[in-house]
């Protein structure tokens, strides 16, 4: 082969490889964030992998979950609607209640049944909580997200109802951080507590920093296992970020509440407290961080 033709061919090949690398970089990561392929309406759904069935007396075998939806904002965002479906969980638990911390049309919103519709913010995100039960059966379920507009894709994730059991002592936030809604600056998380040997005891939940961060009344909804929303109580307005008797521990010492920052929540960490209200008056603490709006990774 002519040497000049060989050199020219190698130069063309090298240029082509550089173009491919450049394109891969443009469609691969931007500042460390995975980007969905533009134009395909890709979404992701994140749930808790499992939740231990808990609750005392009439609330026995109740579970909770937080569902975070993230879609490619260039193809599915800014008011686009999705339907979150938990049909299998509904069959296992007979009742599912949904909580949107700040619906774009109606503000803080709850719903009942197998599915729940939400609108995405400009970053393609939505955050939703749920409580299912009581009297849930143990088992694996699928939770899905259906795009209600073109390209009408469906995405799924698994969630397991786990049997009642002892868990390590402490207060756990599920999740411990969350990207707030770009439309309303709303967030939602679960505060789950375990005090071994303290069955049927009552627990105070303190969330003063989160209460101060969320600037629009009622600031924070505390939703108990029996679905009571403390924001509906006149007494709530005087407590400045704490609710006594928020949790009654079950026979394994477990219990939980949902914390929903209604709107206008400033980014940053907040201390959350859980106190036994009787001897030995143990206190457990954890932290929940509100993250500013951003495009979340699609997994």
Protein backbone atom coordinates (compact mmCIF):
# COMPACT_ATOMS: atom_id res chain seq x y z
CA UNK A 1 0.00 0.00 0.00
CA UNK A 2 1.19 3.54 -0.73
CA UNK A 3 2.75 4.98 2.46
CA UNK A 4 0.92 8.31 2.00
CA UNK A 5 -2.46 6.54 1.74
CA UNK A 6 -1.67 4.52 4.88
CA UNK A 7 -0.82 7.64 6.91
CA UNK A 8 -3.96 9.43 5.65
CA UNK A 9 -6.09 6.44 6.57
CA UNK A 10 -4.65 6.34 10.10
CA UNK A 11 -5.34 10.05 10.54
CA UNK A 12 -8.99 9.60 9.50
CA UNK A 13 -9.36 6.65 11.90
CA UNK A 14 -7.85 8.67 14.77
CA UNK A 15 -10.20 11.58 14.08
CA UNK A 16 -13.19 9.23 14.01
CA UNK A 17 -12.19 7.76 17.38
CA UNK A 18 -11.91 11.25 18.88
CA UNK A 19 -15.39 12.10 17.60
CA UNK A 20 -16.79 8.93 19.18
CA UNK A 21 -15.14 9.72 22.53
CA UNK A 22 -16.49 13.26 22.37
CA UNK A 23 -20.01 12.02 21.66
CA UNK A 24 -19.77 9.46 24.46
CA UNK A 25 -18.72 12.21 26.88
CA UNK A 26 -21.56 14.45 25.75
CA UNK A 27 -24.17 11.76 26.28
CA UNK A 28 -22.51 9.90 29.17
CA UNK A 29 -21.87 12.04 32.24
CA UNK A 30 -22.11 15.74 32.99
CA UNK A 31 -20.47 16.78 36.26
CA UNK A 32 -20.67 13.17 37.45
CA UNK A 33 -24.42 12.82 36.82
CA UNK A 34 -25.61 10.06 34.51
CA UNK A 35 -27.74 11.44 31.70
CA UNK A 36 -30.51 9.54 29.95
CA UNK A 37 -30.26 9.20 26.19
CA UNK A 38 -32.06 12.22 24.74
CA UNK A 39 -35.35 11.49 23.06
CA UNK A 40 -36.39 8.14 24.56
CA UNK A 41 -38.39 9.30 27.59
CA UNK A 42 -36.26 7.22 29.96
CA UNK A 43 -37.30 7.22 33.63
CA UNK A 44 -36.16 5.56 36.81
CA UNK A 45 -38.00 4.64 40.01
CA UNK A 46 -36.42 4.25 43.43
CA UNK A 47 -38.19 2.55 46.35
CA UNK A 48 -37.07 1.08 49.65
CA UNK A 49 -35.94 -2.52 49.03
CA UNK A 50 -38.14 -3.73 51.91
CA UNK A 51 -39.96 -2.62 55.04
CA UNK A 52 -40.55 -4.64 58.21
CA UNK A 53 -44.26 -5.05 58.96
CA UNK A 54 -44.93 -3.22 62.21
CA UNK A 55 -47.61 -1.60 64.31
CA UNK A 56 -49.53 -2.42 67.48
CA UNK A 57 -53.11 -3.65 67.92
CA UNK A 58 -55.31 -2.31 65.09
CA UNK A 59 -52.24 -1.15 63.14
CA UNK A 60 -50.45 -4.52 63.21
CA UNK A 61 -48.54 -5.46 60.02
CA UNK A 62 -48.44 -1.95 58.52
CA UNK A 63 -45.68 -0.87 56.13
CA UNK A 64 -44.47 2.34 54.50
CA UNK A 65 -42.42 3.31 51.46
CA UNK A 66 -40.97 6.39 49.77
CA UNK A 67 -41.02 6.42 45.97
CA UNK A 68 -38.74 8.76 44.02
CA UNK A 69 -39.42 9.12 40.29
CA UNK A 70 -36.72 10.55 38.02
CA UNK A 71 -37.16 11.06 34.27
CA UNK A 72 -35.00 12.46 31.47
CA UNK A 73 -35.91 16.17 31.74
CA UNK A 74 -35.28 16.78 28.03
CA UNK A 75 -38.09 14.42 27.05
CA UNK A 76 -40.38 14.01 30.07
CA UNK A 77 -40.67 16.74 32.73
CA UNK A 78 -42.26 20.08 33.73
CA UNK A 79 -45.85 19.04 34.34
CA UNK A 80 -45.75 15.70 32.53
CA UNK A 81 -47.87 13.19 34.42
CA UNK A 82 -47.04 9.67 35.60
CA UNK A 83 -49.14 7.05 37.36
CA UNK A 84 -47.47 5.11 40.18
CA UNK A 85 -49.03 1.65 40.47
CA UNK A 86 -48.77 -0.64 43.51
CA UNK A 87 -51.41 -3.24 42.60
CA UNK A 88 -49.53 -6.17 44.15
CA UNK A 89 -48.93 -4.25 47.38
CA UNK A 90 -52.63 -3.39 47.47
CA UNK A 91 -53.45 -7.09 47.16
CA UNK A 92 -51.07 -7.96 50.00
CA UNK A 93 -52.20 -5.14 52.30
CA UNK A 94 -55.84 -4.47 51.22
CA UNK A 95 -55.34 -0.72 51.61
CA UNK A 96 -52.76 1.78 50.28
CA UNK A 97 -52.73 5.51 51.09
CA UNK A 98 -50.55 7.86 49.03
CA UNK A 99 -49.03 11.21 50.02
CA UNK A 100 -47.73 13.92 47.67
CA UNK A 101 -45.99 16.64 49.74
CA UNK A 102 -47.08 19.39 47.37
CA UNK A 103 -49.17 18.60 44.30
CA UNK A 104 -48.78 21.22 41.54
CA UNK A 105 -52.56 21.71 41.39
CA UNK A 106 -53.79 21.14 44.95
CA UNK A 107 -50.87 21.46 47.39
CA UNK A 108 -50.39 18.65 49.93
CA UNK A 109 -52.46 15.76 48.56
CA UNK A 110 -53.33 12.23 49.60
CA UNK A 111 -55.10 9.45 47.73
CA UNK A 112 -56.31 5.88 48.19
CA UNK A 113 -56.13 2.75 46.09
CA UNK A 114 -53.89 0.77 43.76
CA UNK A 115 -52.43 3.78 41.95
CA UNK A 116 -51.69 7.47 42.29
CA UNK A 117 -51.04 10.20 39.70
CA UNK A 118 -48.34 12.87 40.09
CA UNK A 119 -46.81 15.57 37.92
CA UNK A 120 -43.06 15.89 37.40
CA UNK A 121 -41.09 19.06 38.06
CA UNK A 122 -38.74 20.75 35.56
CA UNK A 123 -35.93 18.32 36.51
CA UNK A 124 -38.18 15.32 35.79
CA UNK A 125 -38.60 14.44 39.50
CA UNK A 126 -41.44 13.56 41.86
CA UNK A 127 -41.43 12.34 45.49
CA UNK A 128 -44.31 10.33 46.96
CA UNK A 129 -44.86 8.47 50.24
CA UNK A 130 -47.28 5.65 51.03
CA UNK A 131 -48.65 3.68 53.96
CA UNK A 132 -50.07 0.19 53.33
CA UNK A 133 -52.02 -2.05 55.65
CA UNK A 134 -52.78 -2.97 58.34
CA UNK A 135 -52.73 -6.78 58.17
CA UNK A 136 -50.29 -6.96 55.26
CA UNK A 137 -49.16 -10.36 54.02
CA UNK A 138 -45.42 -10.90 53.71
CA UNK A 139 -44.13 -11.03 50.12
CA UNK A 140 -42.40 -9.45 47.14
CA UNK A 141 -44.21 -6.83 45.05
CA UNK A 142 -43.56 -4.70 41.99
CA UNK A 143 -44.13 -0.95 41.96
CA UNK A 144 -44.34 0.62 38.51
CA UNK A 145 -44.35 4.07 36.96
CA UNK A 146 -46.40 4.58 33.78
CA UNK A 147 -45.87 7.63 31.57
CA UNK A 148 -49.34 9.03 30.84
CA UNK A 149 -48.06 10.88 27.77
CA UNK A 150 -45.90 9.89 24.79
CA UNK A 151 -43.76 7.74 24.67
CA UNK A 152 -45.97 5.88 27.23
CA UNK A 153 -43.13 3.85 28.76
CA UNK A 154 -43.40 1.81 31.98
CA UNK A 155 -40.65 1.32 34.57
CA UNK A 156 -40.65 -1.03 37.58
CA UNK A 157 -38.90 -1.60 40.89
CA UNK A 158 -39.34 -4.26 43.59
CA UNK A 159 -40.53 -3.71 47.17
CA UNK A 160 -40.83 -6.42 49.82
CA UNK A 161 -43.13 -6.61 52.84
CA UNK A 162 -40.84 -8.25 55.42
CA UNK A 163 -42.06 -10.18 58.50
CA UNK A 164 -42.04 -8.57 61.96
CA UNK A 165 -38.68 -8.90 63.69
CA UNK A 166 -36.32 -7.18 66.12
CA UNK A 167 -34.07 -4.58 64.49
CA UNK A 168 -31.07 -2.63 65.86
CA UNK A 169 -31.87 0.18 68.30
CA UNK A 170 -31.90 3.63 66.75
CA UNK A 171 -33.71 6.18 64.61
CA UNK A 172 -33.37 5.78 60.84
CA UNK A 173 -34.47 8.23 58.17
CA UNK A 174 -35.65 6.54 54.97
CA UNK A 175 -34.27 8.18 52.88
CA UNK A 176 -31.70 10.21 54.85
CA UNK A 177 -31.64 12.87 52.10
CA UNK A 178 -33.90 13.87 49.23
CA UNK A 179 -33.85 16.25 46.26
CA UNK A 180 -36.72 18.63 46.89
CA UNK A 181 -39.40 19.28 44.30
CA UNK A 182 -38.31 22.17 42.04
CA UNK A 183 -41.93 23.35 41.81
CA UNK A 184 -42.74 23.58 45.53
CA UNK A 185 -39.56 22.68 47.48
CA UNK A 186 -41.48 19.82 49.13
CA UNK A 187 -39.95 16.62 50.56
CA UNK A 188 -41.16 13.42 52.25
CA UNK A 189 -39.36 10.77 54.33
CA UNK A 190 -39.96 8.06 56.94
CA UNK A 191 -38.69 8.30 60.53
CA UNK A 192 -38.42 4.67 61.72
CA UNK A 193 -37.44 3.93 65.33
CA UNK A 194 -36.50 0.81 67.30
CA UNK A 195 -36.34 0.61 71.09
CA UNK A 196 -35.79 -3.07 72.06
CA UNK A 197 -37.75 -4.18 75.11
CA UNK A 198 -40.02 -1.11 75.07
CA UNK A 199 -43.09 -2.64 73.41
CA UNK A 200 -46.29 -0.57 73.55
CA UNK A 201 -44.34 2.47 74.81
CA UNK A 202 -44.99 5.89 73.31
CA UNK A 203 -42.37 7.93 71.46
CA UNK A 204 -42.09 11.68 70.96
CA UNK A 205 -40.79 12.80 67.56
CA UNK A 206 -38.92 16.12 67.35
CA UNK A 207 -38.23 17.84 64.02
CA UNK A 208 -37.71 21.49 64.98
CA UNK A 209 -35.04 22.24 62.38
CA UNK A 210 -37.10 20.79 59.54
CA UNK A 211 -40.13 22.70 60.85
CA UNK A 212 -38.11 25.92 60.62
CA UNK A 213 -36.74 25.08 57.16
CA UNK A 214 -40.20 24.62 55.65
CA UNK A 215 -41.58 28.14 55.63
CA UNK A 216 -45.19 27.74 54.49
CA UNK A 217 -47.86 26.57 56.97
CA UNK A 218 -48.44 23.90 58.09
CA UNK A 219 -44.70 23.42 57.41
CA UNK A 220 -44.42 19.70 58.27
CA UNK A 221 -47.11 17.00 58.19
CA UNK A 222 -46.45 14.18 60.67
CA UNK A 223 -48.47 11.17 59.48
CA UNK A 224 -48.76 8.35 62.00
CA UNK A 225 -49.15 4.62 61.32
CA UNK A 226 -52.95 4.94 61.59
CA UNK A 227 -52.80 7.72 58.93
CA UNK A 228 -53.57 10.54 61.35
CA UNK A 229 -52.08 13.80 60.06
CA UNK A 230 -51.05 15.99 63.00
CA UNK A 231 -51.40 19.08 60.78
CA UNK A 232 -55.17 18.54 61.06
CA UNK A 233 -55.02 19.16 64.83
CA UNK A 234 -55.35 22.65 66.33
CA UNK A 235 -52.84 21.62 69.00
CA UNK A 236 -50.22 21.11 66.31
CA UNK A 237 -49.79 24.82 65.69
CA UNK A 238 -48.38 25.36 69.19
CA UNK A 239 -45.74 22.62 69.26
CA UNK A 240 -43.06 24.23 67.03
CA UNK A 241 -41.75 21.01 65.59
CA UNK A 242 -42.53 18.16 67.96
CA UNK A 243 -45.34 15.64 68.39
CA UNK A 244 -45.79 13.64 71.58
CA UNK A 245 -47.33 10.15 71.41
CA UNK A 246 -46.42 10.18 67.71
CA UNK A 247 -45.49 6.48 67.75
CA UNK A 248 -46.70 3.54 69.83
CA UNK A 249 -44.05 0.82 69.57
CA UNK A 250 -45.12 -2.70 68.61
CA UNK A 251 -44.09 -5.93 70.34
CA UNK A 252 -40.70 -5.82 68.58
CA UNK A 253 -40.10 -2.24 69.71
CA UNK A 254 -40.60 -0.86 66.18
CA UNK A 255 -42.59 2.11 64.94
CA UNK A 256 -42.61 4.88 62.32
CA UNK A 257 -44.12 8.13 61.09
CA UNK A 258 -43.99 9.92 57.75
CA UNK A 259 -42.57 13.45 57.76
CA UNK A 260 -43.71 15.59 54.82
CA UNK A 261 -42.17 19.03 54.35
CA UNK A 262 -45.12 20.81 52.79
CA UNK A 263 -43.39 23.48 50.70
CA UNK A 264 -40.66 26.15 50.57
CA UNK A 265 -38.20 23.94 52.50
CA UNK A 266 -34.70 25.44 52.56
CA UNK A 267 -31.87 23.05 51.62
CA UNK A 268 -29.67 21.68 54.38
CA UNK A 269 -29.52 19.10 57.21
CA UNK A 270 -32.08 18.83 60.02
CA UNK A 271 -31.77 16.95 63.30
CA UNK A 272 -34.61 14.50 63.97
CA UNK A 273 -35.22 13.14 67.50
CA UNK A 274 -37.13 10.17 68.92
CA UNK A 275 -37.62 10.02 72.71
CA UNK A 276 -39.14 7.32 74.88
CA UNK A 277 -41.75 9.13 76.98
CA UNK A 278 -41.37 6.76 79.94
CA UNK A 279 -38.43 5.22 81.80
CA UNK A 280 -35.61 4.85 80.74
CA UNK A 281 -36.39 8.01 78.67
CA UNK A 282 -33.92 7.05 75.94
CA UNK A 283 -33.32 9.49 73.07
CA UNK A 284 -32.20 8.50 69.58
CA UNK A 285 -31.25 11.03 66.89
CA UNK A 286 -30.69 11.04 63.15
CA UNK A 287 -30.43 13.55 60.35
CA UNK A 288 -32.48 14.31 57.26
CA UNK A 289 -31.01 16.53 54.53
CA UNK A 290 -33.04 18.54 52.05
CA UNK A 291 -31.12 18.78 48.77
CA UNK A 292 -31.66 21.65 46.35
CA UNK A 293 -33.42 20.88 43.01
CA UNK A 294 -31.30 19.02 40.45
CA UNK A 295 -31.47 16.28 37.82
CA UNK A 296 -31.24 12.92 39.60
CA UNK A 297 -29.38 9.94 38.24
CA UNK A 298 -31.57 7.54 36.31
CA UNK A 299 -30.71 3.97 37.24
